[in-house]
Amino acid sequence: MNQTNDAALAAAEAYNREFLVFSLGDEEYAVDILKVQEIRGYENVTRIANAPDFIKGVTNLRGVIVPIVDLRIKFHLDKVEYGGQTVVIVVNVEDRVVGIVVDGVSDVMTLSPDQIKPAPEFGVTLSSDFLSGLGSLEDRMLVIVDIDKLLTSDEMELVDRVAE
């Protein structure tokens, strides 16, 4: 019977996922840790003419031109200020490297499937198309961002054109 319990525990752990938790304004968001390449301090970027507001520009990351997207602008947050806590999370999505500007990174959390609830259709700053769910852990609620959908949307094709 002990082997059955061990197998069940191993199967359950296989479904647990790790998320990088970051803040935008007063809300906490999370992105799949497997998509994260690195976390960097915010540095000035090279602006691109005629780019949408949320595309801050591009930066050279070890020889790779990386578009920088400010999620605070993309998610229509009121105040967008750059300070000591502002960081860029460099993510890799479908062979595209993109930096996303956030207010700060807090930690890495492991969530089990029963801690992730479906995303609501209303009441969140961001379109539910880009959400994969809400994670709840004790007294915290995390908005889980589907970074693949967000960074492969039609709007983000502009990023490709900007980077070329």
C-alpha atoms as a PDB file:
ATOM      1  CA  MET A   1       0.000   0.000   0.000  1.00  0.00           C
ATOM      2  CA  ASN A   2       2.923   2.313   0.653  1.00  0.00           C
ATOM      3  CA  GLN A   3       4.051   2.108  -2.993  1.00  0.00           C
ATOM      4  CA  THR A   4       0.584   3.202  -4.116  1.00  0.00           C
ATOM      5  CA  ASN A   5       0.779   6.280  -1.870  1.00  0.00           C
ATOM      6  CA  ASP A   6       4.269   7.088  -3.158  1.00  0.00           C
ATOM      7  CA  ALA A   7       3.079   6.814  -6.769  1.00  0.00           C
ATOM      8  CA  ALA A   8       0.055   9.010  -6.058  1.00  0.00           C
ATOM      9  CA  LEU A   9       2.253  11.596  -4.340  1.00  0.00           C
ATOM     10  CA  ALA A  10       4.704  11.587  -7.248  1.00  0.00           C
ATOM     11  CA  ALA A  11       1.835  12.009  -9.726  1.00  0.00           C
ATOM     12  CA  ALA A  12       0.388  14.899  -7.715  1.00  0.00           C
ATOM     13  CA  GLU A  13       3.763  16.626  -7.505  1.00  0.00           C
ATOM     14  CA  ALA A  14       4.147  16.330 -11.267  1.00  0.00           C
ATOM     15  CA  TYR A  15       1.170  18.663 -11.681  1.00  0.00           C
ATOM     16  CA  ASN A  16       2.478  21.281  -9.275  1.00  0.00           C
ATOM     17  CA  ARG A  17       3.813  24.298 -11.128  1.00  0.00           C
ATOM     18  CA  GLU A  18       6.240  26.990 -10.093  1.00  0.00           C
ATOM     19  CA  PHE A  19       5.479  30.632 -10.774  1.00  0.00           C
ATOM     20  CA  LEU A  20       7.505  33.807 -10.552  1.00  0.00           C
ATOM     21  CA  VAL A  21       5.422  36.319  -8.595  1.00  0.00           C
ATOM     22  CA  PHE A  22       5.606  39.989  -9.555  1.00  0.00           C
ATOM     23  CA  SER A  23       3.677  43.128  -8.725  1.00  0.00           C
ATOM     24  CA  LEU A  24       1.943  45.670 -10.906  1.00  0.00           C
ATOM     25  CA  GLY A  25       0.402  48.429  -8.844  1.00  0.00           C
ATOM     26  CA  ASP A  26      -1.459  46.875  -5.907  1.00  0.00           C
ATOM     27  CA  GLU A  27      -1.980  43.482  -7.525  1.00  0.00           C
ATOM     28  CA  GLU A  28       0.203  40.407  -7.580  1.00  0.00           C
ATOM     29  CA  TYR A  29       0.663  38.500 -10.799  1.00  0.00           C
ATOM     30  CA  ALA A  30       2.431  35.272 -11.617  1.00  0.00           C
ATOM     31  CA  VAL A  31       4.070  33.815 -14.705  1.00  0.00           C
ATOM     32  CA  ASP A  32       5.269  30.256 -15.314  1.00  0.00           C
ATOM     33  CA  ILE A  33       8.870  30.093 -14.061  1.00  0.00           C
ATOM     34  CA  LEU A  34       9.845  27.926 -17.049  1.00  0.00           C
ATOM     35  CA  LYS A  35       9.254  30.913 -19.357  1.00  0.00           C
ATOM     36  CA  VAL A  36      11.631  33.159 -17.382  1.00  0.00           C
ATOM     37  CA  GLN A  37      15.146  33.513 -18.728  1.00  0.00           C
ATOM     38  CA  GLU A  38      16.430  36.118 -16.262  1.00  0.00           C
ATOM     39  CA  ILE A  39      15.534  39.130 -14.143  1.00  0.00           C
ATOM     40  CA  ARG A  40      17.358  42.420 -14.690  1.00  0.00           C
ATOM     41  CA  GLY A  41      17.249  45.909 -13.297  1.00  0.00           C
ATOM     42  CA  TYR A  42      15.459  48.422 -15.507  1.00  0.00           C
ATOM     43  CA  GLU A  43      17.812  50.297 -17.814  1.00  0.00           C
ATOM     44  CA  ASN A  44      17.066  52.950 -20.376  1.00  0.00           C
ATOM     45  CA  VAL A  45      16.050  51.534 -23.712  1.00  0.00           C
ATOM     46  CA  THR A  46      16.334  52.727 -27.289  1.00  0.00           C
ATOM     47  CA  ARG A  47      12.962  54.151 -28.307  1.00  0.00           C
ATOM     48  CA  ILE A  48      11.449  53.069 -31.596  1.00  0.00           C
ATOM     49  CA  ALA A  49       9.483  55.572 -33.688  1.00  0.00           C
ATOM     50  CA  ASN A  50       5.772  54.818 -34.161  1.00  0.00           C
ATOM     51  CA  ALA A  51       5.781  51.965 -31.629  1.00  0.00           C
ATOM     52  CA  PRO A  52       2.722  51.593 -29.363  1.00  0.00           C
ATOM     53  CA  ASP A  53       3.096  53.196 -25.902  1.00  0.00           C
ATOM     54  CA  PHE A  54       3.465  49.867 -24.117  1.00  0.00           C
ATOM     55  CA  ILE A  55       6.558  49.003 -26.191  1.00  0.00           C
ATOM     56  CA  LYS A  56       9.193  51.029 -24.377  1.00  0.00           C
ATOM     57  CA  GLY A  57      11.828  50.251 -27.005  1.00  0.00           C
ATOM     58  CA  VAL A  58      14.615  47.735 -27.436  1.00  0.00           C
ATOM     59  CA  THR A  59      17.784  46.852 -25.587  1.00  0.00           C
ATOM     60  CA  ASN A  60      20.841  44.821 -26.501  1.00  0.00           C
ATOM     61  CA  LEU A  61      21.110  41.749 -24.300  1.00  0.00           C
ATOM     62  CA  ARG A  62      24.426  40.029 -25.010  1.00  0.00           C
ATOM     63  CA  GLY A  63      24.095  40.605 -28.746  1.00  0.00           C
ATOM     64  CA  VAL A  64      20.349  39.901 -28.959  1.00  0.00           C
ATOM     65  CA  ILE A  65      17.994  42.819 -29.634  1.00  0.00           C
ATOM     66  CA  VAL A  66      15.213  42.427 -27.078  1.00  0.00           C
ATOM     67  CA  PRO A  67      11.952  44.394 -27.241  1.00  0.00           C
ATOM     68  CA  ILE A  68      10.889  45.784 -23.864  1.00  0.00           C
ATOM     69  CA  VAL A  69       7.155  45.773 -23.041  1.00  0.00           C
ATOM     70  CA  ASP A  70       5.868  47.723 -20.052  1.00  0.00           C
ATOM     71  CA  LEU A  71       3.051  45.597 -18.634  1.00  0.00           C
ATOM     72  CA  ARG A  72       1.919  48.493 -16.455  1.00  0.00           C
ATOM     73  CA  ILE A  73       1.046  50.485 -19.573  1.00  0.00           C
ATOM     74  CA  LYS A  74      -0.305  47.411 -21.365  1.00  0.00           C
ATOM     75  CA  PHE A  75      -2.627  46.702 -18.425  1.00  0.00           C
ATOM     76  CA  HIS A  76      -3.702  50.378 -18.224  1.00  0.00           C
ATOM     77  CA  LEU A  77      -2.440  51.095 -14.717  1.00  0.00           C
ATOM     78  CA  ASP A  78      -2.756  54.694 -13.579  1.00  0.00           C
ATOM     79  CA  LYS A  79       0.703  55.598 -12.363  1.00  0.00           C
ATOM     80  CA  VAL A  80       3.754  54.218 -14.078  1.00  0.00           C
ATOM     81  CA  GLU A  81       6.881  55.218 -12.214  1.00  0.00           C
ATOM     82  CA  TYR A  82      10.388  53.862 -12.582  1.00  0.00           C
ATOM     83  CA  GLY A  83      12.215  53.321  -9.296  1.00  0.00           C
ATOM     84  CA  GLY A  84      14.743  51.098  -7.599  1.00  0.00           C
ATOM     85  CA  GLN A  85      12.308  48.181  -7.454  1.00  0.00           C
ATOM     86  CA  THR A  86      11.377  48.358 -11.162  1.00  0.00           C
ATOM     87  CA  VAL A  87      12.719  45.287 -12.953  1.00  0.00           C
ATOM     88  CA  VAL A  88      12.625  43.638 -16.345  1.00  0.00           C
ATOM     89  CA  ILE A  89      11.680  39.969 -16.469  1.00  0.00           C
ATOM     90  CA  VAL A  90      13.244  38.497 -19.595  1.00  0.00           C
ATOM     91  CA  VAL A  91      10.985  35.741 -20.923  1.00  0.00           C
ATOM     92  CA  ASN A  92      11.374  33.305 -23.771  1.00  0.00           C
ATOM     93  CA  VAL A  93       8.149  32.572 -25.632  1.00  0.00           C
ATOM     94  CA  GLU A  94       8.081  30.566 -28.852  1.00  0.00           C
ATOM     95  CA  ASP A  95      11.714  31.401 -29.683  1.00  0.00           C
ATOM     96  CA  ARG A  96      11.099  35.095 -29.019  1.00  0.00           C
ATOM     97  CA  VAL A  97      12.959  36.849 -26.221  1.00  0.00           C
ATOM     98  CA  VAL A  98      11.002  39.757 -24.721  1.00  0.00           C
ATOM     99  CA  GLY A  99      11.573  41.856 -21.616  1.00  0.00           C
ATOM    100  CA  ILE A 100       8.539  42.782 -19.531  1.00  0.00           C
ATOM    101  CA  VAL A 101       8.740  45.746 -17.143  1.00  0.00           C
ATOM    102  CA  VAL A 102       7.067  45.223 -13.764  1.00  0.00           C
ATOM    103  CA  ASP A 103       7.017  47.095 -10.451  1.00  0.00           C
ATOM    104  CA  GLY A 104       8.935  44.366  -8.642  1.00  0.00           C
ATOM    105  CA  VAL A 105       9.483  40.639  -8.191  1.00  0.00           C
ATOM    106  CA  SER A 106       8.652  39.098  -4.834  1.00  0.00           C
ATOM    107  CA  ASP A 107       9.215  35.347  -4.907  1.00  0.00           C
ATOM    108  CA  VAL A 108       8.755  31.981  -6.568  1.00  0.00           C
ATOM    109  CA  MET A 109       5.689  29.982  -5.532  1.00  0.00           C
ATOM    110  CA  THR A 110       4.618  26.428  -6.167  1.00  0.00           C
ATOM    111  CA  LEU A 111       0.912  25.978  -6.816  1.00  0.00           C
ATOM    112  CA  SER A 112      -0.973  22.722  -7.052  1.00  0.00           C
ATOM    113  CA  PRO A 113      -3.886  22.313  -9.503  1.00  0.00           C
ATOM    114  CA  ASP A 114      -6.453  22.724  -6.693  1.00  0.00           C
ATOM    115  CA  GLN A 115      -4.950  26.133  -5.816  1.00  0.00           C
ATOM    116  CA  ILE A 116      -5.569  27.462  -9.346  1.00  0.00           C
ATOM    117  CA  LYS A 117      -9.098  28.582 -10.152  1.00  0.00           C
ATOM    118  CA  PRO A 118     -10.485  29.604 -13.571  1.00  0.00           C
ATOM    119  CA  ALA A 119     -10.071  33.275 -14.453  1.00  0.00           C
ATOM    120  CA  PRO A 120     -13.182  35.428 -14.038  1.00  0.00           C
ATOM    121  CA  GLU A 121     -14.674  37.076 -17.096  1.00  0.00           C
ATOM    122  CA  PHE A 122     -14.788  40.524 -15.490  1.00  0.00           C
ATOM    123  CA  GLY A 123     -13.322  42.755 -12.803  1.00  0.00           C
ATOM    124  CA  VAL A 124      -9.676  42.308 -13.671  1.00  0.00           C
ATOM    125  CA  THR A 125      -7.462  45.000 -15.159  1.00  0.00           C
ATOM    126  CA  LEU A 126      -6.499  42.778 -18.032  1.00  0.00           C
ATOM    127  CA  SER A 127      -8.459  40.895 -20.665  1.00  0.00           C
ATOM    128  CA  SER A 128      -9.252  37.385 -19.478  1.00  0.00           C
ATOM    129  CA  ASP A 129      -7.873  36.106 -22.798  1.00  0.00           C
ATOM    130  CA  PHE A 130      -4.402  36.528 -21.304  1.00  0.00           C
ATOM    131  CA  LEU A 131      -5.166  34.886 -17.969  1.00  0.00           C
ATOM    132  CA  SER A 132      -4.755  31.227 -17.218  1.00  0.00           C
ATOM    133  CA  GLY A 133      -6.360  31.478 -13.791  1.00  0.00           C
ATOM    134  CA  LEU A 134      -6.234  32.801 -10.271  1.00  0.00           C
ATOM    135  CA  GLY A 135      -3.878  31.236  -7.781  1.00  0.00           C
ATOM    136  CA  SER A 136      -4.799  31.284  -4.122  1.00  0.00           C
ATOM    137  CA  LEU A 137      -2.340  30.565  -1.370  1.00  0.00           C
ATOM    138  CA  GLU A 138      -3.327  31.325   2.222  1.00  0.00           C
ATOM    139  CA  ASP A 139      -4.182  35.049   2.214  1.00  0.00           C
ATOM    140  CA  ARG A 140      -2.722  35.818  -1.230  1.00  0.00           C
ATOM    141  CA  MET A 141      -4.472  35.955  -4.591  1.00  0.00           C
ATOM    142  CA  LEU A 142      -2.290  35.782  -7.697  1.00  0.00           C
ATOM    143  CA  VAL A 143      -3.432  36.650 -11.205  1.00  0.00           C
ATOM    144  CA  ILE A 144      -1.745  34.032 -13.379  1.00  0.00           C
ATOM    145  CA  VAL A 145      -0.746  35.526 -16.727  1.00  0.00           C
ATOM    146  CA  ASP A 146      -0.604  33.262 -19.778  1.00  0.00           C
ATOM    147  CA  ILE A 147       2.560  34.863 -21.130  1.00  0.00           C
ATOM    148  CA  ASP A 148       2.368  32.796 -24.342  1.00  0.00           C
ATOM    149  CA  LYS A 149      -1.043  34.217 -25.255  1.00  0.00           C
ATOM    150  CA  LEU A 150      -0.078  37.717 -24.173  1.00  0.00           C
ATOM    151  CA  LEU A 151       3.128  37.797 -26.187  1.00  0.00           C
ATOM    152  CA  THR A 152       1.746  36.051 -29.272  1.00  0.00           C
ATOM    153  CA  SER A 153      -1.363  38.187 -29.660  1.00  0.00           C
ATOM    154  CA  ASP A 154      -1.866  40.169 -32.870  1.00  0.00           C
ATOM    155  CA  GLU A 155      -0.897  43.319 -31.026  1.00  0.00           C
ATOM    156  CA  MET A 156       2.450  41.806 -30.142  1.00  0.00           C
ATOM    157  CA  GLU A 157       3.288  41.173 -33.787  1.00  0.00           C
ATOM    158  CA  LEU A 158       4.236  44.845 -33.668  1.00  0.00           C
ATOM    159  CA  VAL A 159       7.037  43.810 -31.339  1.00  0.00           C
ATOM    160  CA  ASP A 160       8.433  41.561 -34.050  1.00  0.00           C
ATOM    161  CA  ARG A 161       8.372  44.393 -36.543  1.00  0.00           C
ATOM    162  CA  VAL A 162       9.990  46.732 -34.054  1.00  0.00           C
ATOM    163  CA  ALA A 163      12.761  44.242 -33.329  1.00  0.00           C
ATOM    164  CA  GLU A 164      13.588  43.678 -37.021  1.00  0.00           C
END
